[in-house]
Each structure stands twice: as C-alpha cells, then as structure tokens.
Amino acid sequence: MKEFMLIFRLKAGTDFKPSPAQMRERMNWLASIAAQEKLVDKGKTLLPTVPLPN
C-alpha cells in the first residue's frame, strides 16, 4: 500500500484561524479516510526549531 504525508505550512507569525465550517470540513475529510481504514497515523504538529526566513 502506498502511504502519503500531508504537510501544511504557515509563515511564522501568521495568525491563521480556520472558521468552524473549515474545521468541520477538514475533520469530516479525515474521518472519511479513517472510516475506509486508510488512515495510518493522525500525525503530529511540526514546530520549527529556528525562525523561518521571510
């Protein structure tokens, strides 16, 4: 089976706050993958150890 990783990157200092509708859509998408038993790992947050360049 092939495995894929999704990486979401925001610029340092970004005050990104998804709306409740966006969060619901993302959670439903993730739940549909889990329901098909295709979700290997829920993932982890990747925090930069050094400031990202602008």
PDB file of N, CA and C in Angstrom:
ATOM      1  N   MET A   1       0.843  -1.165   0.000  1.00  0.00           N
ATOM      2  CA  MET A   1       0.000   0.000   0.000  1.00  0.00           C
ATOM      3  C   MET A   1       0.899   1.242   0.000  1.00  0.00           C
ATOM      4  N   LYS A   2       0.515   2.238  -0.771  1.00  0.00           N
ATOM      5  CA  LYS A   2       1.244   3.496  -0.791  1.00  0.00           C
ATOM      6  C   LYS A   2       0.820   4.348   0.398  1.00  0.00           C
ATOM      7  N   GLU A   3       1.774   5.071   0.943  1.00  0.00           N
ATOM      8  CA  GLU A   3       1.479   5.983   2.047  1.00  0.00           C
ATOM      9  C   GLU A   3       1.888   7.389   1.622  1.00  0.00           C
ATOM     10  N   PHE A   4       1.105   8.368   2.041  1.00  0.00           N
ATOM     11  CA  PHE A   4       1.365   9.755   1.710  1.00  0.00           C
ATOM     12  C   PHE A   4       1.382  10.582   2.981  1.00  0.00           C
ATOM     13  N   MET A   5       2.125  11.666   2.948  1.00  0.00           N
ATOM     14  CA  MET A   5       2.182  12.585   4.079  1.00  0.00           C
ATOM     15  C   MET A   5       1.710  13.955   3.595  1.00  0.00           C
ATOM     16  N   LEU A   6       0.863  14.571   4.378  1.00  0.00           N
ATOM     17  CA  LEU A   6       0.423  15.925   4.081  1.00  0.00           C
ATOM     18  C   LEU A   6       1.140  16.877   5.015  1.00  0.00           C
ATOM     19  N   ILE A   7       1.687  17.932   4.454  1.00  0.00           N
ATOM     20  CA  ILE A   7       2.365  18.944   5.254  1.00  0.00           C
ATOM     21  C   ILE A   7       1.704  20.282   4.970  1.00  0.00           C
ATOM     22  N   PHE A   8       1.262  20.934   6.027  1.00  0.00           N
ATOM     23  CA  PHE A   8       0.665  22.254   5.915  1.00  0.00           C
ATOM     24  C   PHE A   8       1.638  23.244   6.531  1.00  0.00           C
ATOM     25  N   ARG A   9       1.995  24.269   5.798  1.00  0.00           N
ATOM     26  CA  ARG A   9       2.974  25.238   6.284  1.00  0.00           C
ATOM     27  C   ARG A   9       2.376  26.636   6.298  1.00  0.00           C
ATOM     28  N   LEU A  10       2.581  27.306   7.408  1.00  0.00           N
ATOM     29  CA  LEU A  10       2.177  28.697   7.543  1.00  0.00           C
ATOM     30  C   LEU A  10       3.425  29.527   7.795  1.00  0.00           C
ATOM     31  N   LYS A  11       3.405  30.766   7.356  1.00  0.00           N
ATOM     32  CA  LYS A  11       4.538  31.652   7.649  1.00  0.00           C
ATOM     33  C   LYS A  11       4.590  31.924   9.139  1.00  0.00           C
ATOM     34  N   ALA A  12       5.799  32.076   9.658  1.00  0.00           N
ATOM     35  CA  ALA A  12       5.987  32.392  11.073  1.00  0.00           C
ATOM     36  C   ALA A  12       5.243  33.685  11.393  1.00  0.00           C
ATOM     37  N   GLY A  13       4.556  33.686  12.506  1.00  0.00           N
ATOM     38  CA  GLY A  13       3.831  34.879  12.931  1.00  0.00           C
ATOM     39  C   GLY A  13       2.455  35.014  12.315  1.00  0.00           C
ATOM     40  N   THR A  14       2.069  34.076  11.463  1.00  0.00           N
ATOM     41  CA  THR A  14       0.749  34.129  10.847  1.00  0.00           C
ATOM     42  C   THR A  14      -0.319  33.845  11.900  1.00  0.00           C
ATOM     43  N   ASP A  15      -1.332  34.646  11.922  1.00  0.00           N
ATOM     44  CA  ASP A  15      -2.424  34.456  12.878  1.00  0.00           C
ATOM     45  C   ASP A  15      -3.584  33.768  12.160  1.00  0.00           C
ATOM     46  N   PHE A  16      -3.339  32.558  11.667  1.00  0.00           N
ATOM     47  CA  PHE A  16      -4.340  31.813  10.904  1.00  0.00           C
ATOM     48  C   PHE A  16      -5.297  31.106  11.841  1.00  0.00           C
ATOM     49  N   LYS A  17      -6.563  31.378  11.706  1.00  0.00           N
ATOM     50  CA  LYS A  17      -7.602  30.726  12.495  1.00  0.00           C
ATOM     51  C   LYS A  17      -8.701  30.254  11.526  1.00  0.00           C
ATOM     52  N   PRO A  18      -8.759  28.947  11.253  1.00  0.00           N
ATOM     53  CA  PRO A  18      -9.816  28.462  10.356  1.00  0.00           C
ATOM     54  C   PRO A  18     -11.193  28.664  10.987  1.00  0.00           C
ATOM     55  N   SER A  19     -12.165  28.883  10.134  1.00  0.00           N
ATOM     56  CA  SER A  19     -13.538  29.059  10.607  1.00  0.00           C
ATOM     57  C   SER A  19     -14.084  27.713  11.087  1.00  0.00           C
ATOM     58  N   PRO A  20     -15.159  27.731  11.878  1.00  0.00           N
ATOM     59  CA  PRO A  20     -15.774  26.464  12.299  1.00  0.00           C
ATOM     60  C   PRO A  20     -16.179  25.593  11.104  1.00  0.00           C
ATOM     61  N   ALA A  21     -16.640  26.216  10.027  1.00  0.00           N
ATOM     62  CA  ALA A  21     -17.035  25.454   8.836  1.00  0.00           C
ATOM     63  C   ALA A  21     -15.813  24.790   8.190  1.00  0.00           C
ATOM     64  N   GLN A  22     -14.685  25.504   8.141  1.00  0.00           N
ATOM     65  CA  GLN A  22     -13.466  24.928   7.585  1.00  0.00           C
ATOM     66  C   GLN A  22     -12.976  23.762   8.436  1.00  0.00           C
ATOM     67  N   MET A  23     -13.032  23.920   9.743  1.00  0.00           N
ATOM     68  CA  MET A  23     -12.604  22.839  10.642  1.00  0.00           C
ATOM     69  C   MET A  23     -13.500  21.612  10.489  1.00  0.00           C
ATOM     70  N   ARG A  24     -14.809  21.836  10.386  1.00  0.00           N
ATOM     71  CA  ARG A  24     -15.754  20.730  10.191  1.00  0.00           C
ATOM     72  C   ARG A  24     -15.444  19.988   8.895  1.00  0.00           C
ATOM     73  N   GLU A  25     -15.181  20.747   7.816  1.00  0.00           N
ATOM     74  CA  GLU A  25     -14.869  20.140   6.526  1.00  0.00           C
ATOM     75  C   GLU A  25     -13.603  19.286   6.618  1.00  0.00           C
ATOM     76  N   ARG A  26     -12.574  19.809   7.269  1.00  0.00           N
ATOM     77  CA  ARG A  26     -11.319  19.063   7.406  1.00  0.00           C
ATOM     78  C   ARG A  26     -11.504  17.823   8.261  1.00  0.00           C
ATOM     79  N   MET A  27     -12.249  17.949   9.359  1.00  0.00           N
ATOM     80  CA  MET A  27     -12.458  16.801  10.238  1.00  0.00           C
ATOM     81  C   MET A  27     -13.304  15.728   9.544  1.00  0.00           C
ATOM     82  N   ASN A  28     -14.301  16.143   8.763  1.00  0.00           N
ATOM     83  CA  ASN A  28     -15.113  15.184   8.006  1.00  0.00           C
ATOM     84  C   ASN A  28     -14.261  14.458   6.970  1.00  0.00           C
ATOM     85  N   TRP A  29     -13.358  15.189   6.327  1.00  0.00           N
ATOM     86  CA  TRP A  29     -12.462  14.593   5.336  1.00  0.00           C
ATOM     87  C   TRP A  29     -11.566  13.556   5.999  1.00  0.00           C
ATOM     88  N   LEU A  30     -10.991  13.916   7.137  1.00  0.00           N
ATOM     89  CA  LEU A  30     -10.126  12.991   7.859  1.00  0.00           C
ATOM     90  C   LEU A  30     -10.911  11.777   8.361  1.00  0.00           C
ATOM     91  N   ALA A  31     -12.132  12.000   8.846  1.00  0.00           N
ATOM     92  CA  ALA A  31     -12.975  10.900   9.323  1.00  0.00           C
ATOM     93  C   ALA A  31     -13.322   9.938   8.188  1.00  0.00           C
ATOM     94  N   SER A  32     -13.520  10.469   6.973  1.00  0.00           N
ATOM     95  CA  SER A  32     -13.853   9.596   5.839  1.00  0.00           C
ATOM     96  C   SER A  32     -12.674   8.703   5.482  1.00  0.00           C
ATOM     97  N   ILE A  33     -11.445   9.234   5.599  1.00  0.00           N
ATOM     98  CA  ILE A  33     -10.257   8.422   5.342  1.00  0.00           C
ATOM     99  C   ILE A  33     -10.130   7.343   6.421  1.00  0.00           C
ATOM    100  N   ALA A  34     -10.367   7.720   7.680  1.00  0.00           N
ATOM    101  CA  ALA A  34     -10.290   6.757   8.782  1.00  0.00           C
ATOM    102  C   ALA A  34     -11.355   5.672   8.630  1.00  0.00           C
ATOM    103  N   ALA A  35     -12.562   6.043   8.194  1.00  0.00           N
ATOM    104  CA  ALA A  35     -13.648   5.075   8.029  1.00  0.00           C
ATOM    105  C   ALA A  35     -13.314   4.031   6.967  1.00  0.00           C
ATOM    106  N   GLN A  36     -12.488   4.409   5.996  1.00  0.00           N
ATOM    107  CA  GLN A  36     -12.069   3.475   4.951  1.00  0.00           C
ATOM    108  C   GLN A  36     -10.846   2.657   5.387  1.00  0.00           C
ATOM    109  N   GLU A  37     -10.429   2.857   6.645  1.00  0.00           N
ATOM    110  CA  GLU A  37      -9.252   2.201   7.204  1.00  0.00           C
ATOM    111  C   GLU A  37      -7.997   2.496   6.388  1.00  0.00           C
ATOM    112  N   LYS A  38      -7.892   3.734   5.897  1.00  0.00           N
ATOM    113  CA  LYS A  38      -6.731   4.167   5.127  1.00  0.00           C
ATOM    114  C   LYS A  38      -5.874   5.160   5.907  1.00  0.00           C
ATOM    115  N   LEU A  39      -6.278   5.482   7.120  1.00  0.00           N
ATOM    116  CA  LEU A  39      -5.525   6.427   7.931  1.00  0.00           C
ATOM    117  C   LEU A  39      -4.489   5.664   8.740  1.00  0.00           C
ATOM    118  N   VAL A  40      -3.232   5.932   8.472  1.00  0.00           N
ATOM    119  CA  VAL A  40      -2.145   5.245   9.159  1.00  0.00           C
ATOM    120  C   VAL A  40      -1.853   5.918  10.494  1.00  0.00           C
ATOM    121  N   ASP A  41      -1.833   7.238  10.501  1.00  0.00           N
ATOM    122  CA  ASP A  41      -1.470   7.991  11.697  1.00  0.00           C
ATOM    123  C   ASP A  41      -2.140   9.359  11.618  1.00  0.00           C
ATOM    124  N   LYS A  42      -2.650   9.837  12.730  1.00  0.00           N
ATOM    125  CA  LYS A  42      -3.292  11.160  12.744  1.00  0.00           C
ATOM    126  C   LYS A  42      -2.290  12.281  12.576  1.00  0.00           C
ATOM    127  N   GLY A  43      -1.026  11.999  12.806  1.00  0.00           N
ATOM    128  CA  GLY A  43       0.006  12.988  12.586  1.00  0.00           C
ATOM    129  C   GLY A  43       0.397  13.745  13.831  1.00  0.00           C
ATOM    130  N   LYS A  44       1.379  14.584  13.649  1.00  0.00           N
ATOM    131  CA  LYS A  44       1.922  15.381  14.732  1.00  0.00           C
ATOM    132  C   LYS A  44       2.130  16.802  14.225  1.00  0.00           C
ATOM    133  N   THR A  45       2.176  17.733  15.135  1.00  0.00           N
ATOM    134  CA  THR A  45       2.476  19.107  14.778  1.00  0.00           C
ATOM    135  C   THR A  45       3.983  19.247  14.622  1.00  0.00           C
ATOM    136  N   LEU A  46       4.408  19.857  13.541  1.00  0.00           N
ATOM    137  CA  LEU A  46       5.819  20.125  13.323  1.00  0.00           C
ATOM    138  C   LEU A  46       6.077  21.579  13.679  1.00  0.00           C
ATOM    139  N   LEU A  47       6.866  21.771  14.703  1.00  0.00           N
ATOM    140  CA  LEU A  47       7.190  23.131  15.109  1.00  0.00           C
ATOM    141  C   LEU A  47       8.624  23.442  14.708  1.00  0.00           C
ATOM    142  N   PRO A  48       8.841  24.612  14.097  1.00  0.00           N
ATOM    143  CA  PRO A  48      10.211  24.938  13.712  1.00  0.00           C
ATOM    144  C   PRO A  48      11.091  25.152  14.946  1.00  0.00           C
ATOM    145  N   THR A  49      12.345  24.708  14.860  1.00  0.00           N
ATOM    146  CA  THR A  49      13.278  24.905  15.948  1.00  0.00           C
ATOM    147  C   THR A  49      14.044  26.209  15.800  1.00  0.00           C
ATOM    148  N   VAL A  50      14.040  26.741  14.585  1.00  0.00           N
ATOM    149  CA  VAL A  50      14.657  28.044  14.333  1.00  0.00           C
ATOM    150  C   VAL A  50      13.645  28.891  13.561  1.00  0.00           C
ATOM    151  N   PRO A  51      13.708  30.206  13.679  1.00  0.00           N
ATOM    152  CA  PRO A  51      12.755  31.044  12.931  1.00  0.00           C
ATOM    153  C   PRO A  51      12.879  30.811  11.424  1.00  0.00           C
ATOM    154  N   LEU A  52      11.754  30.754  10.758  1.00  0.00           N
ATOM    155  CA  LEU A  52      11.739  30.596   9.314  1.00  0.00           C
ATOM    156  C   LEU A  52      12.056  31.920   8.650  1.00  0.00           C
ATOM    157  N   PRO A  53      12.817  31.907   7.543  1.00  0.00           N
ATOM    158  CA  PRO A  53      13.086  33.179   6.837  1.00  0.00           C
ATOM    159  C   PRO A  53      11.817  33.702   6.177  1.00  0.00           C
ATOM    160  N   ASN A  54      11.716  35.003   6.079  1.00  0.00           N
ATOM    161  CA  ASN A  54      10.522  35.609   5.438  1.00  0.00           C
ATOM    162  C   ASN A  54      10.588  35.537   3.965  1.00  0.00           C
TER     163      ASN A  54
END
